[in-house]
C-alpha cells in the first residue's frame, strides 16, 4: 500500500471537515473547492497554516447561496 503524501492527507482532512460541518453541500463540490484552494496555496512557505488557509479559501469559493446563513 502506498502512503499518502502530507499534502494529500491535508486535502482529505480539510474536505472531510467541511463536509461534516456542511452536510447539505454536495461532497464533490466541496472537494473541488478544497482542491482549488490547495492549488492556490501549495507553494506557501509556512506549511503549518496550510490547512486553516485552505479551509477558509474553500469556504470563500463556495458561494454564499451554497453555505447556510451565518457560516460564510
C-alpha atoms as a PDB file:
ATOM      1  CA  UNK A   1       0.000   0.000   0.000  1.00  0.00           C
ATOM      2  CA  UNK A   2       1.330   3.431  -0.941  1.00  0.00           C
ATOM      3  CA  UNK A   3       1.313   6.029   1.834  1.00  0.00           C
ATOM      4  CA  UNK A   4      -0.490   9.283   1.082  1.00  0.00           C
ATOM      5  CA  UNK A   5       1.629  12.398   0.876  1.00  0.00           C
ATOM      6  CA  UNK A   6       1.262  15.032   3.577  1.00  0.00           C
ATOM      7  CA  UNK A   7      -0.499  17.343   1.133  1.00  0.00           C
ATOM      8  CA  UNK A   8      -2.954  14.640   0.038  1.00  0.00           C
ATOM      9  CA  UNK A   9      -3.787  13.953   3.686  1.00  0.00           C
ATOM     10  CA  UNK A  10      -4.265  17.651   4.328  1.00  0.00           C
ATOM     11  CA  UNK A  11      -6.621  17.962   1.352  1.00  0.00           C
ATOM     12  CA  UNK A  12      -8.622  14.946   2.511  1.00  0.00           C
ATOM     13  CA  UNK A  13      -8.874  16.157   6.115  1.00  0.00           C
ATOM     14  CA  UNK A  14      -9.959  19.675   5.138  1.00  0.00           C
ATOM     15  CA  UNK A  15     -12.591  18.285   2.755  1.00  0.00           C
ATOM     16  CA  UNK A  16     -13.883  15.882   5.415  1.00  0.00           C
ATOM     17  CA  UNK A  17     -14.154  18.720   7.963  1.00  0.00           C
ATOM     18  CA  UNK A  18     -16.096  20.916   5.551  1.00  0.00           C
ATOM     19  CA  UNK A  19     -18.385  18.060   4.503  1.00  0.00           C
ATOM     20  CA  UNK A  20     -19.153  17.283   8.159  1.00  0.00           C
ATOM     21  CA  UNK A  21     -19.825  20.912   9.022  1.00  0.00           C
ATOM     22  CA  UNK A  22     -21.961  21.482   5.891  1.00  0.00           C
ATOM     23  CA  UNK A  23     -23.728  18.169   5.151  1.00  0.00           C
ATOM     24  CA  UNK A  24     -26.243  19.841   2.807  1.00  0.00           C
ATOM     25  CA  UNK A  25     -23.485  20.717   0.334  1.00  0.00           C
ATOM     26  CA  UNK A  26     -22.555  18.389  -2.497  1.00  0.00           C
ATOM     27  CA  UNK A  27     -19.436  16.493  -1.409  1.00  0.00           C
ATOM     28  CA  UNK A  28     -17.943  16.718  -4.899  1.00  0.00           C
ATOM     29  CA  UNK A  29     -18.316  20.489  -4.931  1.00  0.00           C
ATOM     30  CA  UNK A  30     -16.652  20.746  -1.526  1.00  0.00           C
ATOM     31  CA  UNK A  31     -13.766  18.540  -2.666  1.00  0.00           C
ATOM     32  CA  UNK A  32     -13.310  20.639  -5.818  1.00  0.00           C
ATOM     33  CA  UNK A  33     -13.215  23.819  -3.738  1.00  0.00           C
ATOM     34  CA  UNK A  34     -10.633  22.341  -1.374  1.00  0.00           C
ATOM     35  CA  UNK A  35      -8.516  21.154  -4.304  1.00  0.00           C
ATOM     36  CA  UNK A  36      -8.664  24.623  -5.872  1.00  0.00           C
ATOM     37  CA  UNK A  37      -7.701  26.192  -2.544  1.00  0.00           C
ATOM     38  CA  UNK A  38      -4.753  23.809  -2.313  1.00  0.00           C
ATOM     39  CA  UNK A  39      -3.604  24.629  -5.854  1.00  0.00           C
ATOM     40  CA  UNK A  40      -3.633  28.334  -4.974  1.00  0.00           C
ATOM     41  CA  UNK A  41      -1.735  27.859  -1.703  1.00  0.00           C
ATOM     42  CA  UNK A  42       0.535  24.889  -2.323  1.00  0.00           C
ATOM     43  CA  UNK A  43       3.691  26.980  -2.641  1.00  0.00           C
ATOM     44  CA  UNK A  44       3.180  28.707   0.704  1.00  0.00           C
ATOM     45  CA  UNK A  45       6.398  28.909   2.693  1.00  0.00           C
ATOM     46  CA  UNK A  46       4.820  28.352   6.102  1.00  0.00           C
ATOM     47  CA  UNK A  47       3.156  24.955   5.787  1.00  0.00           C
ATOM     48  CA  UNK A  48       1.818  24.880   9.357  1.00  0.00           C
ATOM     49  CA  UNK A  49      -1.068  27.175   8.412  1.00  0.00           C
ATOM     50  CA  UNK A  50      -1.931  25.453   5.138  1.00  0.00           C
ATOM     51  CA  UNK A  51      -4.991  23.529   6.453  1.00  0.00           C
ATOM     52  CA  UNK A  52      -6.563  26.632   8.004  1.00  0.00           C
ATOM     53  CA  UNK A  53      -5.891  28.768   4.951  1.00  0.00           C
ATOM     54  CA  UNK A  54      -7.224  26.066   2.640  1.00  0.00           C
ATOM     55  CA  UNK A  55     -10.414  25.719   4.640  1.00  0.00           C
ATOM     56  CA  UNK A  56     -11.013  29.474   4.619  1.00  0.00           C
ATOM     57  CA  UNK A  57     -10.321  29.746   0.889  1.00  0.00           C
ATOM     58  CA  UNK A  58     -12.563  26.763   0.096  1.00  0.00           C
ATOM     59  CA  UNK A  59     -15.391  28.425   2.050  1.00  0.00           C
ATOM     60  CA  UNK A  60     -14.823  31.597   0.038  1.00  0.00           C
ATOM     61  CA  UNK A  61     -15.018  29.615  -3.191  1.00  0.00           C
ATOM     62  CA  UNK A  62     -18.348  28.133  -2.209  1.00  0.00           C
ATOM     63  CA  UNK A  63     -20.891  30.822  -2.943  1.00  0.00           C
ATOM     64  CA  UNK A  64     -22.942  32.299  -0.142  1.00  0.00           C
ATOM     65  CA  UNK A  65     -26.005  30.620  -1.701  1.00  0.00           C
ATOM     66  CA  UNK A  66     -24.491  27.196  -1.047  1.00  0.00           C
ATOM     67  CA  UNK A  67     -23.487  27.783   2.583  1.00  0.00           C
ATOM     68  CA  UNK A  68     -26.179  28.102   5.247  1.00  0.00           C
ATOM     69  CA  UNK A  69     -26.638  31.611   6.652  1.00  0.00           C
ATOM     70  CA  UNK A  70     -24.027  32.581   9.232  1.00  0.00           C
ATOM     71  CA  UNK A  71     -21.441  30.010   8.080  1.00  0.00           C
ATOM     72  CA  UNK A  72     -19.614  32.036   5.429  1.00  0.00           C
END
